[in-house]
Amino acid sequence: MNFINFKNLLKKFTVFSLQDIKMVIPDFYIQRLVEWQKKGYIKKIIRKYYIFSDLDIDENILFNISNKIYKPSYISFESAMSFYGFIPESVYSVTAVTTRKTYKFDTLTAKFSYHTLNKKLYFGYKTVNGKSGNFLIAEPEKAIIDYLYINTHIRKREDIEEMRFNSIPMREKIHKNILDEYTGRFGNKLLKERISILKGMIF
């Protein structure tokens, strides 16, 4: 099989795995992937996962890749807060929640970081239908909660102020009743106190 035919058959995939290839082309000769990498036609993200070299990488694409290479996972923490406009800084790695072990991939495309949450805390995410593909991301309220839950060093008002949260988009996108409901499901007293401080600063 030549590369043009291969690309046409796999064009619906933002990132494709060996399993995806075998599903579409059952008799595919895997050695072709090595040849096409050397020729610059495709790029390896991590073992068994690839993208086409001419793919225009944007935030949407990176989120899609993050979801795919480490399942189950959804975008959260700094990446989600940046997506919603809650924090001013650019995020240099894609951050996500998983029920698997905490892990990091430092690839040529981007850095992907995954933090473990208990299965009972794996909720509060949604599908975003982006122009470059779909991805799973924390709801605005859950992104904040996830972040404050794992960053236990953030305790006082001064600590939260250092985050330089953008209060206007937070007031527009965060529903206090959902924030309270999700916080309650964590059953964590210190988290509840930090969320209470944040609410006092934002609303």
N, C-alpha and C. Protein backbone atom coordinates (compact mmCIF):
# COMPACT_ATOMS: atom_id res chain seq x y z
N MET A 1 0.84 -1.20 0.00
CA MET A 1 0.00 0.00 0.00
C MET A 1 0.88 1.25 0.00
N ASN A 2 0.52 2.23 -0.86
CA ASN A 2 1.28 3.48 -0.86
C ASN A 2 0.73 4.46 0.18
N PHE A 3 1.50 5.49 0.45
CA PHE A 3 1.14 6.40 1.54
C PHE A 3 -0.13 7.18 1.24
N ILE A 4 -0.35 7.59 0.00
CA ILE A 4 -1.54 8.37 -0.35
C ILE A 4 -2.81 7.58 -0.03
N ASN A 5 -2.82 6.31 -0.40
CA ASN A 5 -3.99 5.48 -0.10
C ASN A 5 -4.17 5.31 1.41
N PHE A 6 -3.07 5.11 2.10
CA PHE A 6 -3.10 4.97 3.55
C PHE A 6 -3.69 6.22 4.21
N LYS A 7 -3.22 7.37 3.78
CA LYS A 7 -3.69 8.63 4.36
C LYS A 7 -5.17 8.85 4.11
N ASN A 8 -5.63 8.52 2.93
CA ASN A 8 -7.05 8.66 2.61
C ASN A 8 -7.92 7.78 3.50
N LEU A 9 -7.43 6.59 3.79
CA LEU A 9 -8.19 5.65 4.62
C LEU A 9 -8.20 6.06 6.09
N LEU A 10 -7.15 6.76 6.53
CA LEU A 10 -7.03 7.14 7.94
C LEU A 10 -7.33 8.61 8.19
N LYS A 11 -7.83 9.32 7.19
CA LYS A 11 -7.96 10.78 7.31
C LYS A 11 -8.96 11.22 8.38
N LYS A 12 -9.85 10.35 8.80
CA LYS A 12 -10.83 10.74 9.84
C LYS A 12 -10.20 10.75 11.24
N PHE A 13 -9.00 10.18 11.37
CA PHE A 13 -8.34 10.11 12.67
C PHE A 13 -7.38 11.29 12.87
N THR A 14 -7.54 12.02 13.96
CA THR A 14 -6.57 13.05 14.32
C THR A 14 -5.26 12.39 14.72
N VAL A 15 -5.36 11.42 15.62
CA VAL A 15 -4.23 10.59 16.03
C VAL A 15 -4.67 9.15 15.83
N PHE A 16 -3.81 8.33 15.26
CA PHE A 16 -4.22 6.95 14.98
C PHE A 16 -3.25 5.98 15.64
N SER A 17 -3.81 4.88 16.07
CA SER A 17 -3.03 3.85 16.76
C SER A 17 -2.85 2.64 15.85
N LEU A 18 -2.01 1.72 16.28
CA LEU A 18 -1.87 0.48 15.52
C LEU A 18 -3.20 -0.25 15.44
N GLN A 19 -3.96 -0.17 16.51
CA GLN A 19 -5.28 -0.82 16.53
C GLN A 19 -6.21 -0.18 15.50
N ASP A 20 -6.16 1.15 15.39
CA ASP A 20 -6.98 1.84 14.39
C ASP A 20 -6.60 1.39 12.98
N ILE A 21 -5.29 1.29 12.74
CA ILE A 21 -4.82 0.88 11.42
C ILE A 21 -5.31 -0.52 11.09
N LYS A 22 -5.17 -1.43 12.03
CA LYS A 22 -5.58 -2.82 11.80
C LYS A 22 -7.09 -2.93 11.58
N MET A 23 -7.83 -2.05 12.21
CA MET A 23 -9.29 -2.05 12.05
C MET A 23 -9.68 -1.62 10.63
N VAL A 24 -8.95 -0.62 10.11
CA VAL A 24 -9.25 -0.09 8.77
C VAL A 24 -8.57 -0.90 7.68
N ILE A 25 -7.33 -1.34 7.95
CA ILE A 25 -6.54 -2.08 6.96
C ILE A 25 -6.01 -3.35 7.64
N PRO A 26 -6.79 -4.40 7.69
CA PRO A 26 -6.42 -5.62 8.44
C PRO A 26 -5.08 -6.23 8.04
N ASP A 27 -4.70 -6.13 6.78
CA ASP A 27 -3.46 -6.76 6.32
C ASP A 27 -2.30 -5.77 6.20
N PHE A 28 -2.38 -4.65 6.92
CA PHE A 28 -1.35 -3.62 6.81
C PHE A 28 0.00 -4.13 7.30
N TYR A 29 1.05 -3.77 6.58
CA TYR A 29 2.42 -4.16 6.92
C TYR A 29 3.01 -3.08 7.82
N ILE A 30 3.20 -3.40 9.10
CA ILE A 30 3.58 -2.41 10.12
C ILE A 30 4.91 -1.72 9.81
N GLN A 31 5.81 -2.41 9.13
CA GLN A 31 7.13 -1.83 8.82
C GLN A 31 7.00 -0.54 8.01
N ARG A 32 5.90 -0.39 7.31
CA ARG A 32 5.67 0.84 6.53
C ARG A 32 5.71 2.08 7.43
N LEU A 33 5.27 1.94 8.66
CA LEU A 33 5.25 3.08 9.58
C LEU A 33 6.66 3.59 9.85
N VAL A 34 7.60 2.66 9.97
CA VAL A 34 9.00 3.05 10.19
C VAL A 34 9.52 3.80 8.97
N GLU A 35 9.22 3.29 7.79
CA GLU A 35 9.66 3.92 6.53
C GLU A 35 9.08 5.32 6.40
N TRP A 36 7.80 5.47 6.71
CA TRP A 36 7.13 6.76 6.54
C TRP A 36 7.55 7.77 7.59
N GLN A 37 7.98 7.28 8.76
CA GLN A 37 8.54 8.19 9.76
C GLN A 37 9.87 8.75 9.25
N LYS A 38 10.71 7.89 8.69
CA LYS A 38 12.01 8.31 8.18
C LYS A 38 11.86 9.31 7.03
N LYS A 39 10.81 9.17 6.26
CA LYS A 39 10.55 10.07 5.14
C LYS A 39 9.83 11.35 5.58
N GLY A 40 9.42 11.40 6.85
CA GLY A 40 8.76 12.60 7.36
C GLY A 40 7.29 12.68 7.05
N TYR A 41 6.68 11.58 6.67
CA TYR A 41 5.25 11.58 6.33
C TYR A 41 4.37 11.53 7.60
N ILE A 42 4.84 10.81 8.61
CA ILE A 42 4.09 10.68 9.86
C ILE A 42 5.04 10.93 11.03
N LYS A 43 4.45 11.23 12.20
CA LYS A 43 5.23 11.43 13.43
C LYS A 43 4.67 10.52 14.52
N LYS A 44 5.58 9.95 15.29
CA LYS A 44 5.14 9.14 16.42
C LYS A 44 4.93 10.04 17.63
N ILE A 45 3.77 9.91 18.29
CA ILE A 45 3.51 10.64 19.52
C ILE A 45 4.13 9.86 20.68
N ILE A 46 3.62 8.68 20.91
CA ILE A 46 4.21 7.71 21.84
C ILE A 46 4.14 6.36 21.14
N ARG A 47 4.62 5.33 21.79
CA ARG A 47 4.60 4.00 21.20
C ARG A 47 3.19 3.61 20.75
N LYS A 48 3.07 3.24 19.49
CA LYS A 48 1.82 2.76 18.87
C LYS A 48 0.81 3.86 18.52
N TYR A 49 1.19 5.15 18.69
CA TYR A 49 0.29 6.24 18.35
C TYR A 49 0.99 7.25 17.44
N TYR A 50 0.30 7.66 16.37
CA TYR A 50 0.92 8.49 15.34
C TYR A 50 -0.02 9.60 14.88
N ILE A 51 0.58 10.64 14.27
CA ILE A 51 -0.18 11.67 13.57
C ILE A 51 0.47 11.89 12.21
N PHE A 52 -0.26 12.51 11.29
CA PHE A 52 0.33 12.87 10.01
C PHE A 52 1.16 14.14 10.19
N SER A 53 2.29 14.20 9.54
CA SER A 53 3.25 15.30 9.76
C SER A 53 2.71 16.66 9.34
N ASP A 54 1.77 16.69 8.41
CA ASP A 54 1.23 17.98 7.96
C ASP A 54 0.03 18.43 8.78
N LEU A 55 -0.25 17.73 9.88
CA LEU A 55 -1.38 18.11 10.74
C LEU A 55 -1.10 19.45 11.40
N ASP A 56 -2.05 20.37 11.32
CA ASP A 56 -1.92 21.68 11.97
C ASP A 56 -2.23 21.53 13.44
N ILE A 57 -1.22 21.59 14.28
CA ILE A 57 -1.41 21.37 15.71
C ILE A 57 -1.98 22.62 16.38
N ASP A 58 -3.11 22.45 17.05
CA ASP A 58 -3.68 23.52 17.86
C ASP A 58 -4.15 22.93 19.18
N GLU A 59 -4.74 23.75 20.03
CA GLU A 59 -5.20 23.29 21.34
C GLU A 59 -6.19 22.15 21.22
N ASN A 60 -7.12 22.28 20.28
CA ASN A 60 -8.13 21.25 20.03
C ASN A 60 -7.47 19.91 19.73
N ILE A 61 -6.47 19.93 18.85
CA ILE A 61 -5.75 18.72 18.46
C ILE A 61 -5.03 18.12 19.66
N LEU A 62 -4.36 18.95 20.44
CA LEU A 62 -3.62 18.45 21.60
C LEU A 62 -4.54 17.81 22.62
N PHE A 63 -5.72 18.40 22.83
CA PHE A 63 -6.68 17.82 23.76
C PHE A 63 -7.18 16.48 23.25
N ASN A 64 -7.41 16.40 21.95
CA ASN A 64 -7.86 15.15 21.33
C ASN A 64 -6.81 14.07 21.50
N ILE A 65 -5.55 14.43 21.26
CA ILE A 65 -4.44 13.48 21.42
C ILE A 65 -4.35 13.02 22.87
N SER A 66 -4.44 13.96 23.80
CA SER A 66 -4.36 13.63 25.22
C SER A 66 -5.40 12.59 25.61
N ASN A 67 -6.63 12.79 25.19
CA ASN A 67 -7.70 11.83 25.48
C ASN A 67 -7.39 10.45 24.93
N LYS A 68 -6.78 10.42 23.75
CA LYS A 68 -6.62 9.15 23.04
C LYS A 68 -5.46 8.30 23.56
N ILE A 69 -4.34 8.94 23.90
CA ILE A 69 -3.14 8.14 24.20
C ILE A 69 -3.12 7.59 25.62
N TYR A 70 -4.03 8.08 26.48
CA TYR A 70 -4.07 7.56 27.85
C TYR A 70 -5.53 7.57 28.31
N LYS A 71 -6.16 6.42 28.23
CA LYS A 71 -7.58 6.30 28.55
C LYS A 71 -7.77 5.50 29.83
N PRO A 72 -8.84 5.81 30.61
CA PRO A 72 -9.74 6.96 30.43
C PRO A 72 -9.10 8.23 30.97
N SER A 73 -9.41 9.34 30.34
CA SER A 73 -8.90 10.62 30.81
C SER A 73 -9.77 11.75 30.27
N TYR A 74 -9.72 12.87 30.96
CA TYR A 74 -10.36 14.09 30.44
C TYR A 74 -9.48 15.28 30.81
N ILE A 75 -9.50 16.33 30.02
CA ILE A 75 -8.70 17.52 30.24
C ILE A 75 -9.18 18.24 31.48
N SER A 76 -8.26 18.66 32.35
CA SER A 76 -8.65 19.38 33.57
C SER A 76 -7.47 20.23 34.05
N PHE A 77 -7.55 20.65 35.31
CA PHE A 77 -6.49 21.44 35.95
C PHE A 77 -6.15 22.71 35.14
N GLU A 78 -4.85 23.01 34.96
CA GLU A 78 -4.46 24.24 34.28
C GLU A 78 -4.96 24.32 32.84
N SER A 79 -4.93 23.21 32.12
CA SER A 79 -5.36 23.23 30.71
C SER A 79 -6.82 23.62 30.58
N ALA A 80 -7.67 23.04 31.41
CA ALA A 80 -9.10 23.36 31.36
C ALA A 80 -9.35 24.79 31.83
N MET A 81 -8.65 25.21 32.88
CA MET A 81 -8.85 26.57 33.38
C MET A 81 -8.40 27.61 32.35
N SER A 82 -7.34 27.31 31.61
CA SER A 82 -6.89 28.19 30.54
C SER A 82 -7.91 28.19 29.40
N PHE A 83 -8.45 27.03 29.07
CA PHE A 83 -9.46 26.90 28.01
C PHE A 83 -10.67 27.79 28.30
N TYR A 84 -11.07 27.84 29.57
CA TYR A 84 -12.24 28.64 29.95
C TYR A 84 -11.90 30.11 30.23
N GLY A 85 -10.61 30.45 30.18
CA GLY A 85 -10.20 31.83 30.41
C GLY A 85 -10.09 32.21 31.87
N PHE A 86 -9.97 31.20 32.76
CA PHE A 86 -9.92 31.47 34.20
C PHE A 86 -8.54 31.91 34.67
N ILE A 87 -7.50 31.51 33.96
CA ILE A 87 -6.14 31.90 34.33
C ILE A 87 -5.48 32.58 33.14
N PRO A 88 -4.63 33.56 33.39
CA PRO A 88 -4.05 34.35 32.30
C PRO A 88 -2.87 33.69 31.61
N GLU A 89 -2.18 32.80 32.31
CA GLU A 89 -0.94 32.25 31.77
C GLU A 89 -1.20 31.24 30.67
N SER A 90 -0.25 31.17 29.74
CA SER A 90 -0.27 30.10 28.76
C SER A 90 0.13 28.80 29.45
N VAL A 91 -0.47 27.72 29.02
CA VAL A 91 -0.17 26.42 29.62
C VAL A 91 0.77 25.66 28.69
N TYR A 92 1.91 25.22 29.23
CA TYR A 92 2.93 24.61 28.39
C TYR A 92 2.85 23.08 28.32
N SER A 93 1.92 22.51 29.06
CA SER A 93 1.69 21.08 28.93
C SER A 93 0.19 20.83 29.04
N VAL A 94 -0.24 19.72 28.50
CA VAL A 94 -1.66 19.37 28.54
C VAL A 94 -1.89 18.56 29.81
N THR A 95 -2.77 19.05 30.68
CA THR A 95 -3.01 18.42 31.97
C THR A 95 -4.37 17.74 31.99
N ALA A 96 -4.41 16.54 32.55
CA ALA A 96 -5.64 15.75 32.50
C ALA A 96 -5.82 14.90 33.75
N VAL A 97 -7.05 14.47 33.95
CA VAL A 97 -7.43 13.55 35.03
C VAL A 97 -7.54 12.15 34.45
N THR A 98 -7.14 11.16 35.23
CA THR A 98 -7.29 9.76 34.83
C THR A 98 -7.60 8.92 36.06
N THR A 99 -8.16 7.74 35.84
CA THR A 99 -8.32 6.79 36.95
C THR A 99 -7.16 5.81 36.98
N ARG A 100 -6.28 5.90 36.00
CA ARG A 100 -5.08 5.07 35.97
C ARG A 100 -3.99 5.76 36.80
N LYS A 101 -2.79 5.20 36.79
CA LYS A 101 -1.73 5.79 37.60
C LYS A 101 -1.28 7.13 37.02
N THR A 102 -0.82 8.01 37.90
CA THR A 102 -0.28 9.31 37.48
C THR A 102 0.88 9.08 36.52
N TYR A 103 0.88 9.83 35.40
CA TYR A 103 1.89 9.57 34.38
C TYR A 103 2.15 10.83 33.55
N LYS A 104 3.34 10.89 32.94
CA LYS A 104 3.68 12.00 32.06
C LYS A 104 4.32 11.46 30.78
N PHE A 105 3.95 12.08 29.66
CA PHE A 105 4.60 11.80 28.38
C PHE A 105 5.24 13.09 27.89
N ASP A 106 6.55 13.08 27.71
CA ASP A 106 7.26 14.24 27.18
C ASP A 106 7.58 13.93 25.72
N THR A 107 6.71 14.37 24.81
CA THR A 107 6.84 14.02 23.40
C THR A 107 7.36 15.20 22.60
N LEU A 108 7.68 14.95 21.32
CA LEU A 108 8.13 16.02 20.44
C LEU A 108 6.99 16.97 20.10
N THR A 109 5.77 16.52 20.26
CA THR A 109 4.59 17.34 19.95
C THR A 109 4.19 18.22 21.12
N ALA A 110 4.18 17.65 22.32
CA ALA A 110 3.79 18.38 23.53
C ALA A 110 4.08 17.52 24.75
N LYS A 111 3.94 18.14 25.92
CA LYS A 111 4.02 17.39 27.17
C LYS A 111 2.59 17.07 27.62
N PHE A 112 2.36 15.83 27.96
CA PHE A 112 1.04 15.39 28.41
C PHE A 112 1.18 14.86 29.84
N SER A 113 0.38 15.44 30.74
CA SER A 113 0.47 15.08 32.15
C SER A 113 -0.89 14.60 32.65
N TYR A 114 -0.89 13.47 33.36
CA TYR A 114 -2.12 12.86 33.86
C TYR A 114 -2.00 12.65 35.37
N HIS A 115 -3.03 13.07 36.09
CA HIS A 115 -3.04 12.90 37.55
C HIS A 115 -4.19 11.99 37.95
N THR A 116 -3.91 11.04 38.81
CA THR A 116 -4.91 10.07 39.23
C THR A 116 -5.94 10.67 40.18
N LEU A 117 -7.22 10.39 39.89
CA LEU A 117 -8.29 10.63 40.84
C LEU A 117 -9.03 9.32 41.05
N ASN A 118 -9.55 9.13 42.24
CA ASN A 118 -10.34 7.95 42.54
C ASN A 118 -11.53 7.85 41.59
N LYS A 119 -11.94 6.64 41.27
CA LYS A 119 -13.05 6.44 40.33
C LYS A 119 -14.31 7.17 40.74
N LYS A 120 -14.56 7.29 42.05
CA LYS A 120 -15.79 7.97 42.50
C LYS A 120 -15.71 9.48 42.26
N LEU A 121 -14.50 9.99 42.01
CA LEU A 121 -14.32 11.42 41.72
C LEU A 121 -14.18 11.69 40.23
N TYR A 122 -14.30 10.63 39.44
CA TYR A 122 -14.16 10.77 37.98
C TYR A 122 -15.53 11.11 37.39
N PHE A 123 -15.89 12.38 37.48
CA PHE A 123 -17.18 12.85 36.97
C PHE A 123 -17.02 14.34 36.64
N GLY A 124 -18.09 14.94 36.15
CA GLY A 124 -18.07 16.38 35.90
C GLY A 124 -17.28 16.78 34.68
N TYR A 125 -17.36 16.00 33.61
CA TYR A 125 -16.69 16.35 32.36
C TYR A 125 -17.70 16.26 31.22
N LYS A 126 -17.34 16.84 30.09
CA LYS A 126 -18.26 16.90 28.95
C LYS A 126 -17.48 16.73 27.65
N THR A 127 -18.21 16.50 26.58
CA THR A 127 -17.60 16.42 25.24
C THR A 127 -17.73 17.76 24.55
N VAL A 128 -16.62 18.27 24.04
CA VAL A 128 -16.62 19.50 23.24
C VAL A 128 -16.40 19.10 21.79
N ASN A 129 -17.28 19.56 20.93
CA ASN A 129 -17.18 19.26 19.50
C ASN A 129 -16.38 20.36 18.81
N GLY A 130 -15.08 20.19 18.75
CA GLY A 130 -14.21 21.18 18.13
C GLY A 130 -14.10 20.98 16.64
N LYS A 131 -13.61 22.00 15.95
CA LYS A 131 -13.48 21.91 14.49
C LYS A 131 -12.42 20.90 14.07
N SER A 132 -11.49 20.60 14.99
CA SER A 132 -10.44 19.63 14.69
C SER A 132 -10.69 18.27 15.34
N GLY A 133 -11.91 18.07 15.83
CA GLY A 133 -12.23 16.80 16.48
C GLY A 133 -12.78 17.02 17.87
N ASN A 134 -13.34 15.98 18.43
CA ASN A 134 -13.96 16.07 19.76
C ASN A 134 -12.95 15.76 20.86
N PHE A 135 -13.23 16.29 22.06
CA PHE A 135 -12.40 15.94 23.21
C PHE A 135 -13.22 16.06 24.48
N LEU A 136 -12.78 15.34 25.51
CA LEU A 136 -13.42 15.37 26.82
C LEU A 136 -12.69 16.36 27.71
N ILE A 137 -13.45 17.22 28.38
CA ILE A 137 -12.85 18.24 29.23
C ILE A 137 -13.72 18.45 30.47
N ALA A 138 -13.09 18.78 31.58
CA ALA A 138 -13.83 19.05 32.81
C ALA A 138 -14.79 20.21 32.60
N GLU A 139 -15.96 20.13 33.22
CA GLU A 139 -16.85 21.28 33.26
C GLU A 139 -16.14 22.39 34.03
N PRO A 140 -16.53 23.65 33.82
CA PRO A 140 -15.82 24.76 34.48
C PRO A 140 -15.68 24.58 36.00
N GLU A 141 -16.75 24.15 36.65
CA GLU A 141 -16.72 23.96 38.09
C GLU A 141 -15.76 22.84 38.50
N LYS A 142 -15.77 21.76 37.73
CA LYS A 142 -14.94 20.60 38.08
C LYS A 142 -13.46 20.88 37.86
N ALA A 143 -13.14 21.69 36.86
CA ALA A 143 -11.74 22.04 36.61
C ALA A 143 -11.14 22.75 37.83
N ILE A 144 -11.90 23.68 38.41
CA ILE A 144 -11.46 24.39 39.60
C ILE A 144 -11.30 23.43 40.78
N ILE A 145 -12.31 22.59 40.97
CA ILE A 145 -12.29 21.65 42.10
C ILE A 145 -11.14 20.67 41.97
N ASP A 146 -10.96 20.10 40.79
CA ASP A 146 -9.85 19.17 40.57
C ASP A 146 -8.52 19.82 40.94
N TYR A 147 -8.35 21.06 40.49
CA TYR A 147 -7.09 21.76 40.72
C TYR A 147 -6.83 21.99 42.21
N LEU A 148 -7.84 22.49 42.91
CA LEU A 148 -7.66 22.77 44.34
C LEU A 148 -7.56 21.49 45.16
N TYR A 149 -8.14 20.42 44.66
CA TYR A 149 -8.07 19.15 45.39
C TYR A 149 -6.66 18.58 45.38
N ILE A 150 -5.99 18.62 44.24
CA ILE A 150 -4.65 18.02 44.18
C ILE A 150 -3.56 18.97 44.65
N ASN A 151 -3.82 20.26 44.61
CA ASN A 151 -2.82 21.24 45.05
C ASN A 151 -3.10 21.63 46.50
N THR A 152 -2.75 20.72 47.39
CA THR A 152 -3.08 20.91 48.80
C THR A 152 -2.28 22.03 49.47
N HIS A 153 -1.24 22.52 48.80
CA HIS A 153 -0.48 23.64 49.36
C HIS A 153 -1.24 24.95 49.27
N ILE A 154 -2.29 24.98 48.42
CA ILE A 154 -3.12 26.18 48.31
C ILE A 154 -4.17 26.12 49.42
N ARG A 155 -3.98 26.94 50.45
CA ARG A 155 -4.85 26.85 51.63
C ARG A 155 -5.52 28.16 52.00
N LYS A 156 -4.78 29.26 51.87
CA LYS A 156 -5.28 30.55 52.34
C LYS A 156 -5.68 31.44 51.17
N ARG A 157 -6.34 32.53 51.50
CA ARG A 157 -6.75 33.50 50.50
C ARG A 157 -5.55 34.01 49.69
N GLU A 158 -4.45 34.22 50.39
CA GLU A 158 -3.23 34.72 49.72
C GLU A 158 -2.75 33.72 48.67
N ASP A 159 -2.86 32.44 48.97
CA ASP A 159 -2.44 31.40 48.01
C ASP A 159 -3.30 31.45 46.76
N ILE A 160 -4.59 31.64 46.95
CA ILE A 160 -5.52 31.69 45.81
C ILE A 160 -5.31 32.97 45.01
N GLU A 161 -5.03 34.06 45.68
CA GLU A 161 -4.77 35.33 44.99
C GLU A 161 -3.57 35.22 44.06
N GLU A 162 -2.58 34.42 44.46
CA GLU A 162 -1.39 34.24 43.63
C GLU A 162 -1.69 33.55 42.30
N MET A 163 -2.83 32.87 42.24
CA MET A 163 -3.24 32.23 40.98
C MET A 163 -3.68 33.25 39.94
N ARG A 164 -4.01 34.46 40.37
CA ARG A 164 -4.44 35.54 39.48
C ARG A 164 -5.61 35.10 38.59
N PHE A 165 -6.62 34.55 39.23
CA PHE A 165 -7.82 34.13 38.51
C PHE A 165 -8.51 35.32 37.86
N ASN A 166 -9.08 35.09 36.68
CA ASN A 166 -9.87 36.11 35.99
C ASN A 166 -11.32 35.99 36.46
N SER A 167 -11.74 36.92 37.30
CA SER A 167 -13.04 36.80 37.94
C SER A 167 -14.22 36.94 36.99
N ILE A 168 -14.09 37.74 35.93
CA ILE A 168 -15.23 37.98 35.03
C ILE A 168 -15.67 36.69 34.32
N PRO A 169 -14.76 35.99 33.62
CA PRO A 169 -15.21 34.73 32.99
C PRO A 169 -15.63 33.68 34.00
N MET A 170 -15.07 33.72 35.20
CA MET A 170 -15.46 32.75 36.22
C MET A 170 -16.90 33.00 36.67
N ARG A 171 -17.26 34.28 36.86
CA ARG A 171 -18.64 34.59 37.24
C ARG A 171 -19.62 34.22 36.13
N GLU A 172 -19.16 34.35 34.88
CA GLU A 172 -20.03 34.06 33.74
C GLU A 172 -20.25 32.55 33.54
N LYS A 173 -19.23 31.75 33.84
CA LYS A 173 -19.26 30.33 33.47
C LYS A 173 -19.49 29.37 34.63
N ILE A 174 -19.23 29.83 35.85
CA ILE A 174 -19.36 28.93 37.00
C ILE A 174 -20.73 29.10 37.67
N HIS A 175 -21.41 27.99 37.86
CA HIS A 175 -22.69 27.98 38.58
C HIS A 175 -22.42 27.57 40.02
N LYS A 176 -22.79 28.43 40.95
CA LYS A 176 -22.48 28.18 42.36
C LYS A 176 -23.12 26.89 42.87
N ASN A 177 -24.34 26.60 42.41
CA ASN A 177 -25.01 25.37 42.89
C ASN A 177 -24.27 24.12 42.44
N ILE A 178 -23.75 24.14 41.20
CA ILE A 178 -22.97 22.99 40.70
C ILE A 178 -21.64 22.91 41.43
N LEU A 179 -21.02 24.06 41.67
CA LEU A 179 -19.75 24.09 42.40
C LEU A 179 -19.93 23.47 43.79
N ASP A 180 -21.00 23.84 44.45
CA ASP A 180 -21.27 23.30 45.79
C ASP A 180 -21.58 21.81 45.75
N GLU A 181 -22.38 21.40 44.76
CA GLU A 181 -22.74 19.98 44.65
C GLU A 181 -21.51 19.12 44.41
N TYR A 182 -20.68 19.52 43.45
CA TYR A 182 -19.48 18.74 43.11
C TYR A 182 -18.50 18.72 44.28
N THR A 183 -18.35 19.86 44.96
CA THR A 183 -17.44 19.91 46.10
C THR A 183 -17.90 18.96 47.19
N GLY A 184 -19.21 18.91 47.43
CA GLY A 184 -19.77 18.02 48.44
C GLY A 184 -19.51 16.56 48.15
N ARG A 185 -19.45 16.19 46.87
CA ARG A 185 -19.23 14.80 46.49
C ARG A 185 -17.80 14.34 46.81
N PHE A 186 -16.90 15.28 47.00
CA PHE A 186 -15.52 14.92 47.36
C PHE A 186 -15.41 14.57 48.84
N GLY A 187 -16.31 15.11 49.65
CA GLY A 187 -16.28 14.81 51.07
C GLY A 187 -14.98 15.21 51.76
N ASN A 188 -14.41 16.33 51.33
CA ASN A 188 -13.12 16.78 51.85
C ASN A 188 -13.29 18.16 52.50
N LYS A 189 -13.08 18.21 53.80
CA LYS A 189 -13.30 19.45 54.55
C LYS A 189 -12.39 20.58 54.09
N LEU A 190 -11.11 20.28 53.89
CA LEU A 190 -10.17 21.32 53.47
C LEU A 190 -10.51 21.85 52.09
N LEU A 191 -10.93 20.97 51.20
CA LEU A 191 -11.34 21.41 49.86
C LEU A 191 -12.54 22.35 49.96
N LYS A 192 -13.49 21.98 50.78
CA LYS A 192 -14.68 22.81 50.96
C LYS A 192 -14.31 24.20 51.47
N GLU A 193 -13.35 24.27 52.36
CA GLU A 193 -12.91 25.56 52.90
C GLU A 193 -12.26 26.41 51.81
N ARG A 194 -11.44 25.79 50.97
CA ARG A 194 -10.77 26.52 49.89
C ARG A 194 -11.77 27.02 48.85
N ILE A 195 -12.74 26.18 48.53
CA ILE A 195 -13.78 26.59 47.57
C ILE A 195 -14.58 27.75 48.14
N SER A 196 -14.84 27.72 49.44
CA SER A 196 -15.58 28.80 50.10
C SER A 196 -14.82 30.12 50.00
N ILE A 197 -13.49 30.06 50.19
CA ILE A 197 -12.66 31.26 50.05
C ILE A 197 -12.73 31.78 48.62
N LEU A 198 -12.60 30.88 47.66
CA LEU A 198 -12.64 31.27 46.25
C LEU A 198 -13.98 31.93 45.90
N LYS A 199 -15.07 31.35 46.36
CA LYS A 199 -16.39 31.92 46.10
C LYS A 199 -16.49 33.33 46.64
N GLY A 200 -15.94 33.54 47.83
CA GLY A 200 -15.97 34.87 48.43
C GLY A 200 -15.19 35.89 47.62
N MET A 201 -14.19 35.43 46.90
CA MET A 201 -13.38 36.34 46.08
C MET A 201 -14.00 36.61 44.72
N ILE A 202 -14.75 35.63 44.21
CA ILE A 202 -15.25 35.73 42.84
C ILE A 202 -16.66 36.30 42.76
N PHE A 203 -17.54 35.84 43.65
CA PHE A 203 -18.96 36.21 43.52
C PHE A 203 -19.33 37.37 44.46
